[in-house]
C-alpha atoms as a PDB file:
ATOM      1  CA  MET A   1      74.987 100.430  58.158  1.00  0.00           C
ATOM      2  CA  PRO A   2      74.427 103.073  60.880  1.00  0.00           C
ATOM      3  CA  LYS A   3      77.640 104.707  62.337  1.00  0.00           C
ATOM      4  CA  HIS A   4      78.547 105.964  65.808  1.00  0.00           C
ATOM      5  CA  ALA A   5      79.261 109.618  66.605  1.00  0.00           C
ATOM      6  CA  THR A   6      83.001 110.329  65.830  1.00  0.00           C
ATOM      7  CA  ALA A   7      83.258 114.172  66.594  1.00  0.00           C
ATOM      8  CA  ASN A   8      82.993 115.120  70.324  1.00  0.00           C
ATOM      9  CA  ASP A   9      81.351 118.542  69.277  1.00  0.00           C
ATOM     10  CA  SER A  10      79.064 117.521  66.661  1.00  0.00           C
ATOM     11  CA  LYS A  11      75.105 117.620  66.789  1.00  0.00           C
ATOM     12  CA  LEU A  12      75.222 113.777  66.797  1.00  0.00           C
ATOM     13  CA  ALA A  13      77.888 113.607  69.886  1.00  0.00           C
ATOM     14  CA  ARG A  14      75.615 115.846  71.953  1.00  0.00           C
ATOM     15  CA  ALA A  15      72.644 113.843  71.083  1.00  0.00           C
ATOM     16  CA  CYS A  16      74.485 110.621  72.240  1.00  0.00           C
ATOM     17  CA  GLN A  17      75.386 112.092  75.532  1.00  0.00           C
ATOM     18  CA  LEU A  18      71.707 113.354  76.357  1.00  0.00           C
ATOM     19  CA  PRO A  19      70.952 111.504  79.641  1.00  0.00           C
ATOM     20  CA  SER A  20      67.415 109.699  80.150  1.00  0.00           C
ATOM     21  CA  ALA A  21      66.070 112.541  82.203  1.00  0.00           C
ATOM     22  CA  GLN A  22      66.616 115.292  79.502  1.00  0.00           C
ATOM     23  CA  LEU A  23      64.935 112.808  76.897  1.00  0.00           C
ATOM     24  CA  ASN A  24      61.935 112.427  79.266  1.00  0.00           C
ATOM     25  CA  ASP A  25      61.736 116.261  79.377  1.00  0.00           C
ATOM     26  CA  MET A  26      61.627 116.160  75.664  1.00  0.00           C
ATOM     27  CA  LEU A  27      58.640 114.066  75.773  1.00  0.00           C
ATOM     28  CA  GLY A  28      56.745 116.651  77.931  1.00  0.00           C
ATOM     29  CA  SER A  29      52.918 116.320  77.778  1.00  0.00           C
ATOM     30  CA  GLY A  30      53.108 114.091  74.783  1.00  0.00           C
ATOM     31  CA  LYS A  31      54.148 110.921  76.929  1.00  0.00           C
ATOM     32  CA  ASP A  32      50.590 110.366  77.820  1.00  0.00           C
ATOM     33  CA  TYR A  33      48.220 108.969  75.272  1.00  0.00           C
ATOM     34  CA  THR A  34      44.597 107.570  75.662  1.00  0.00           C
ATOM     35  CA  PRO A  35      43.495 105.778  72.426  1.00  0.00           C
ATOM     36  CA  ALA A  36      40.319 107.265  70.942  1.00  0.00           C
ATOM     37  CA  SER A  37      39.126 103.766  70.393  1.00  0.00           C
ATOM     38  CA  ASP A  38      39.636 102.731  74.014  1.00  0.00           C
ATOM     39  CA  PRO A  39      39.264 105.797  76.383  1.00  0.00           C
ATOM     40  CA  SER A  40      39.574 103.374  79.479  1.00  0.00           C
ATOM     41  CA  CYS A  41      43.302 102.684  78.051  1.00  0.00           C
ATOM     42  CA  ALA A  42      45.505 105.464  79.580  1.00  0.00           C
ATOM     43  CA  LEU A  43      49.008 104.986  78.483  1.00  0.00           C
ATOM     44  CA  SER A  44      52.211 106.577  79.484  1.00  0.00           C
ATOM     45  CA  THR A  45      55.726 106.667  78.145  1.00  0.00           C
ATOM     46  CA  VAL A  46      59.230 106.421  79.752  1.00  0.00           C
ATOM     47  CA  ALA A  47      62.686 107.063  77.845  1.00  0.00           C
ATOM     48  CA  TYR A  48      65.590 104.951  79.117  1.00  0.00           C
ATOM     49  CA  HIS A  49      69.328 104.584  78.357  1.00  0.00           C
ATOM     50  CA  ILE A  50      70.641 101.177  78.054  1.00  0.00           C
ATOM     51  CA  ASN A  51      72.646 101.905  81.288  1.00  0.00           C
ATOM     52  CA  ASP A  52      69.764 102.517  83.337  1.00  0.00           C
ATOM     53  CA  MET A  53      67.000 100.393  81.565  1.00  0.00           C
ATOM     54  CA  PRO A  54      65.780  97.823  84.250  1.00  0.00           C
ATOM     55  CA  GLU A  55      66.409  94.392  83.254  1.00  0.00           C
ATOM     56  CA  MET A  56      62.960  93.266  83.422  1.00  0.00           C
ATOM     57  CA  LEU A  57      62.226  95.770  80.848  1.00  0.00           C
ATOM     58  CA  LEU A  58      65.043  94.871  78.694  1.00  0.00           C
ATOM     59  CA  LYS A  59      63.620  91.087  78.917  1.00  0.00           C
ATOM     60  CA  PHE A  60      60.178  92.445  77.837  1.00  0.00           C
ATOM     61  CA  ALA A  61      61.770  94.314  74.767  1.00  0.00           C
ATOM     62  CA  VAL A  62      63.676  91.121  73.431  1.00  0.00           C
ATOM     63  CA  ASP A  63      60.825  88.990  74.329  1.00  0.00           C
ATOM     64  CA  LEU A  64      58.425  91.282  72.547  1.00  0.00           C
ATOM     65  CA  VAL A  65      60.600  91.506  69.225  1.00  0.00           C
ATOM     66  CA  GLU A  66      60.987  87.500  69.348  1.00  0.00           C
ATOM     67  CA  SER A  67      57.165  87.003  69.666  1.00  0.00           C
ATOM     68  CA  ASN A  68      56.323  89.614  67.034  1.00  0.00           C
ATOM     69  CA  MET A  69      59.034  89.378  64.550  1.00  0.00           C
ATOM     70  CA  LYS A  70      60.888  85.795  64.819  1.00  0.00           C
ATOM     71  CA  GLU A  71      58.910  84.506  61.914  1.00  0.00           C
ATOM     72  CA  LEU A  72      59.758  87.317  59.725  1.00  0.00           C
ATOM     73  CA  TYR A  73      63.407  87.147  60.684  1.00  0.00           C
ATOM     74  CA  MET A  74      63.663  83.424  60.172  1.00  0.00           C
ATOM     75  CA  LYS A  75      62.429  83.988  56.256  1.00  0.00           C
ATOM     76  CA  SER A  76      65.201  86.587  55.762  1.00  0.00           C
ATOM     77  CA  LYS A  77      68.572  86.206  54.572  1.00  0.00           C
ATOM     78  CA  ASP A  78      70.339  86.551  57.825  1.00  0.00           C
ATOM     79  CA  GLY A  79      67.635  84.701  60.176  1.00  0.00           C
ATOM     80  CA  TRP A  80      66.680  84.611  63.610  1.00  0.00           C
ATOM     81  CA  CYS A  81      69.450  84.267  66.390  1.00  0.00           C
ATOM     82  CA  ARG A  82      68.196  85.788  69.871  1.00  0.00           C
ATOM     83  CA  GLU A  83      71.837  86.090  71.119  1.00  0.00           C
ATOM     84  CA  ASP A  84      72.718  88.447  68.138  1.00  0.00           C
ATOM     85  CA  LYS A  85      69.435  90.442  68.789  1.00  0.00           C
ATOM     86  CA  GLU A  86      70.203  90.963  72.474  1.00  0.00           C
ATOM     87  CA  ASP A  87      73.813  92.091  71.435  1.00  0.00           C
ATOM     88  CA  GLU A  88      72.301  94.702  69.345  1.00  0.00           C
ATOM     89  CA  MET A  89      69.495  95.854  71.835  1.00  0.00           C
ATOM     90  CA  GLU A  90      72.173  96.101  74.542  1.00  0.00           C
ATOM     91  CA  ASP A  91      74.466  98.120  72.419  1.00  0.00           C
ATOM     92  CA  GLU A  92      76.072 101.000  74.454  1.00  0.00           C
ATOM     93  CA  LEU A  93      74.218 103.725  72.498  1.00  0.00           C
ATOM     94  CA  SER A  94      70.881 101.881  72.744  1.00  0.00           C
ATOM     95  CA  ARG A  95      67.867 104.115  73.740  1.00  0.00           C
ATOM     96  CA  TYR A  96      64.391 103.184  74.638  1.00  0.00           C
ATOM     97  CA  LEU A  97      60.724 104.256  74.830  1.00  0.00           C
ATOM     98  CA  ILE A  98      58.835 101.812  76.976  1.00  0.00           C
ATOM     99  CA  THR A  99      54.888 102.438  76.990  1.00  0.00           C
ATOM    100  CA  PHE A 100      52.884 101.432  80.090  1.00  0.00           C
ATOM    101  CA  CYS A 101      49.284 100.745  80.794  1.00  0.00           C
ATOM    102  CA  ASP A 102      48.701 100.381  84.605  1.00  0.00           C
ATOM    103  CA  ASN A 103      52.473  99.989  85.154  1.00  0.00           C
ATOM    104  CA  VAL A 104      52.615  96.989  82.805  1.00  0.00           C
ATOM    105  CA  PRO A 105      54.701  97.625  79.534  1.00  0.00           C
ATOM    106  CA  VAL A 106      52.754  97.176  76.529  1.00  0.00           C
ATOM    107  CA  ALA A 107      54.965  98.676  73.720  1.00  0.00           C
ATOM    108  CA  MET A 108      58.501  99.602  73.026  1.00  0.00           C
ATOM    109  CA  VAL A 109      60.892 101.590  70.533  1.00  0.00           C
ATOM    110  CA  HIS A 110      64.585 100.530  70.365  1.00  0.00           C
ATOM    111  CA  PHE A 111      66.484 103.656  68.674  1.00  0.00           C
ATOM    112  CA  GLN A 112      70.076 105.205  68.625  1.00  0.00           C
ATOM    113  CA  PHE A 113      71.513 108.331  67.425  1.00  0.00           C
ATOM    114  CA  VAL A 114      73.876 107.619  64.727  1.00  0.00           C
ATOM    115  CA  GLU A 115      75.511 108.772  61.412  1.00  0.00           C
ATOM    116  CA  GLU A 116      73.947 107.227  58.127  1.00  0.00           C
ATOM    117  CA  GLU A 117      75.511 107.439  54.729  1.00  0.00           C
ATOM    118  CA  THR A 118      73.649 109.414  51.952  1.00  0.00           C
ATOM    119  CA  MET A 119      74.182 109.750  48.135  1.00  0.00           C
ATOM    120  CA  THR A 120      76.355 112.797  48.722  1.00  0.00           C
ATOM    121  CA  ASP A 121      79.705 113.360  50.610  1.00  0.00           C
ATOM    122  CA  ARG A 122      77.769 114.305  53.628  1.00  0.00           C
ATOM    123  CA  ASP A 123      76.628 111.850  56.328  1.00  0.00           C
ATOM    124  CA  ALA A 124      73.233 112.332  57.896  1.00  0.00           C
ATOM    125  CA  GLU A 125      72.696 112.493  61.576  1.00  0.00           C
ATOM    126  CA  VAL A 126      69.646 110.567  62.383  1.00  0.00           C
ATOM    127  CA  ALA A 127      67.394 108.837  65.031  1.00  0.00           C
ATOM    128  CA  TYR A 128      67.398 105.442  63.827  1.00  0.00           C
ATOM    129  CA  CYS A 129      64.479 103.149  64.974  1.00  0.00           C
ATOM    130  CA  PHE A 130      65.758  99.597  65.086  1.00  0.00           C
ATOM    131  CA  GLU A 131      62.688  98.388  66.544  1.00  0.00           C
ATOM    132  CA  ILE A 132      58.880  99.341  67.292  1.00  0.00           C
ATOM    133  CA  GLN A 133      56.848  96.715  68.754  1.00  0.00           C
ATOM    134  CA  VAL A 134      53.355  96.468  70.414  1.00  0.00           C
ATOM    135  CA  THR A 135      52.002  93.527  72.378  1.00  0.00           C
ATOM    136  CA  PRO A 136      49.014  91.851  70.630  1.00  0.00           C
ATOM    137  CA  GLY A 137      46.297  92.870  72.855  1.00  0.00           C
ATOM    138  CA  TYR A 138      47.286  96.767  72.167  1.00  0.00           C
ATOM    139  CA  GLN A 139      47.745  96.568  68.739  1.00  0.00           C
ATOM    140  CA  ARG A 140      45.558  98.652  66.174  1.00  0.00           C
ATOM    141  CA  LYS A 141      44.898 101.283  68.909  1.00  0.00           C
ATOM    142  CA  GLY A 142      47.061 103.894  67.401  1.00  0.00           C
ATOM    143  CA  ILE A 143      50.175 103.209  69.799  1.00  0.00           C
ATOM    144  CA  GLY A 144      52.657 102.776  66.861  1.00  0.00           C
ATOM    145  CA  ALA A 145      51.945 106.138  65.257  1.00  0.00           C
ATOM    146  CA  TYR A 146      51.818 107.634  68.990  1.00  0.00           C
ATOM    147  CA  LEU A 147      55.392 106.153  69.320  1.00  0.00           C
ATOM    148  CA  ILE A 148      56.955 107.250  66.084  1.00  0.00           C
ATOM    149  CA  GLY A 149      55.618 110.732  66.946  1.00  0.00           C
ATOM    150  CA  LEU A 150      57.574 110.930  70.064  1.00  0.00           C
ATOM    151  CA  LEU A 151      60.687 109.554  68.439  1.00  0.00           C
ATOM    152  CA  GLU A 152      60.188 112.328  65.642  1.00  0.00           C
ATOM    153  CA  SER A 153      59.757 114.813  68.464  1.00  0.00           C
ATOM    154  CA  ILE A 154      62.995 113.736  70.137  1.00  0.00           C
ATOM    155  CA  GLY A 155      64.862 113.743  66.799  1.00  0.00           C
ATOM    156  CA  LYS A 156      63.800 117.282  66.339  1.00  0.00           C
ATOM    157  CA  GLN A 157      64.706 118.565  69.751  1.00  0.00           C
ATOM    158  CA  ALA A 158      68.057 116.766  69.198  1.00  0.00           C
ATOM    159  CA  ALA A 159      68.665 118.512  65.775  1.00  0.00           C
ATOM    160  CA  MET A 160      68.782 115.311  63.917  1.00  0.00           C
ATOM    161  CA  ASP A 161      68.298 115.315  60.190  1.00  0.00           C
ATOM    162  CA  LYS A 162      65.746 112.405  59.987  1.00  0.00           C
ATOM    163  CA  VAL A 163      64.288 109.345  61.445  1.00  0.00           C
ATOM    164  CA  MET A 164      65.236 106.329  59.501  1.00  0.00           C
ATOM    165  CA  LEU A 165      64.187 102.515  59.992  1.00  0.00           C
ATOM    166  CA  THR A 166      64.504  99.300  58.249  1.00  0.00           C
ATOM    167  CA  VAL A 167      61.750  97.290  57.193  1.00  0.00           C
ATOM    168  CA  PHE A 168      61.294  93.760  55.710  1.00  0.00           C
ATOM    169  CA  LYS A 169      59.733  93.828  52.106  1.00  0.00           C
ATOM    170  CA  ALA A 170      57.754  90.897  53.239  1.00  0.00           C
ATOM    171  CA  ASN A 171      56.228  93.141  56.077  1.00  0.00           C
ATOM    172  CA  THR A 172      53.781  94.739  53.501  1.00  0.00           C
ATOM    173  CA  SER A 173      51.606  96.117  56.167  1.00  0.00           C
ATOM    174  CA  ALA A 174      54.277  98.124  58.060  1.00  0.00           C
ATOM    175  CA  ILE A 175      55.582  99.475  54.625  1.00  0.00           C
ATOM    176  CA  LYS A 176      52.143 100.738  53.990  1.00  0.00           C
ATOM    177  CA  PHE A 177      51.694 102.199  57.579  1.00  0.00           C
ATOM    178  CA  TYR A 178      54.792 104.114  57.417  1.00  0.00           C
ATOM    179  CA  ILE A 179      54.336 105.317  53.879  1.00  0.00           C
ATOM    180  CA  ASP A 180      50.504 105.859  53.897  1.00  0.00           C
ATOM    181  CA  GLN A 181      49.690 106.760  57.313  1.00  0.00           C
ATOM    182  CA  LEU A 182      52.954 108.405  58.701  1.00  0.00           C
ATOM    183  CA  LYS A 183      54.195 110.061  55.421  1.00  0.00           C
ATOM    184  CA  TYR A 184      57.596 108.202  55.306  1.00  0.00           C
ATOM    185  CA  LYS A 185      59.220 107.642  52.248  1.00  0.00           C
ATOM    186  CA  TYR A 186      62.015 105.299  50.695  1.00  0.00           C
ATOM    187  CA  ASP A 187      65.279 106.787  51.681  1.00  0.00           C
ATOM    188  CA  GLU A 188      67.754 107.643  48.880  1.00  0.00           C
ATOM    189  CA  ILE A 189      70.133 104.549  50.160  1.00  0.00           C
ATOM    190  CA  SER A 190      67.129 102.124  50.128  1.00  0.00           C
ATOM    191  CA  PRO A 191      67.874  99.219  47.586  1.00  0.00           C
ATOM    192  CA  CYS A 192      64.728  99.889  45.648  1.00  0.00           C
ATOM    193  CA  VAL A 193      66.035 103.721  44.929  1.00  0.00           C
ATOM    194  CA  CYS A 194      69.839 103.525  44.706  1.00  0.00           C
ATOM    195  CA  LEU A 195      70.394 100.083  42.881  1.00  0.00           C
ATOM    196  CA  THR A 196      68.889  98.688  39.540  1.00  0.00           C
ATOM    197  CA  ARG A 197      65.882  96.624  39.829  1.00  0.00           C
ATOM    198  CA  GLY A 198      68.080  93.225  39.421  1.00  0.00           C
ATOM    199  CA  ARG A 199      70.433  94.217  42.203  1.00  0.00           C
ATOM    200  CA  ALA A 200      67.672  95.607  44.475  1.00  0.00           C
ATOM    201  CA  SER A 201      65.828  92.219  44.314  1.00  0.00           C
ATOM    202  CA  ARG A 202      68.784  90.541  46.057  1.00  0.00           C
ATOM    203  CA  PHE A 203      67.886  92.517  49.420  1.00  0.00           C
ATOM    204  CA  ASP A 204      65.218  91.512  51.665  1.00  0.00           C
ATOM    205  CA  TYR A 205      64.662  95.092  53.345  1.00  0.00           C
ATOM    206  CA  GLU A 206      64.058  98.605  52.392  1.00  0.00           C
ATOM    207  CA  ILE A 207      65.078 101.741  54.226  1.00  0.00           C
ATOM    208  CA  LEU A 208      62.412 104.371  54.889  1.00  0.00           C
ATOM    209  CA  SER A 209      63.085 107.867  56.482  1.00  0.00           C
ATOM    210  CA  LYS A 210      61.231 111.211  57.202  1.00  0.00           C
ATOM    211  CA  ASP A 211      63.009 114.501  57.190  1.00  0.00           C
ATOM    212  CA  LEU A 212      63.036 116.496  60.451  1.00  0.00           C
ATOM    213  CA  LEU A 213      64.694 119.697  59.412  1.00  0.00           C
END
């Protein structure tokens, strides 16, 4: 599981201290996006720290995860518990990218800057994507790829080693999207990579990543 920063002078610690204003500066002109398939859909993304995230946007984010993902969570070993998901999404290190169309939120990324273990004695400093969700009416417009691109840009500017994310094995379309379209790979600590086939089959998720350095 991801670990919080432990050294005040590390790249990770500095990334964890970045204010929302600086994250928004990192987005630059990339924060604006118009899908090629829908030129009338002018989108813009804003970065938030959990401490300055408006309550209505946090509710939007949790509601969207529930509506899009509850069925997959319920089929997983851990199941679905809204209270547990709220606790995770309200963690003190949580950051968000919220995409708006005409001032209405339509998509979100929940991420943190964390340490993650590797197969060596050196942990990786990563931008870990906990959730990326798009409202049904705005899906298949390239918004997911656009948001992941923004997260990768932030990760690079914060000198993180890579972007990482967890995906349910049952979510085959998401796995195909990340690997085929966005060029992610199974991380070295993903069950299918570091365990035998028998042991890996006990897990209902895989871990994907893309190097940033």
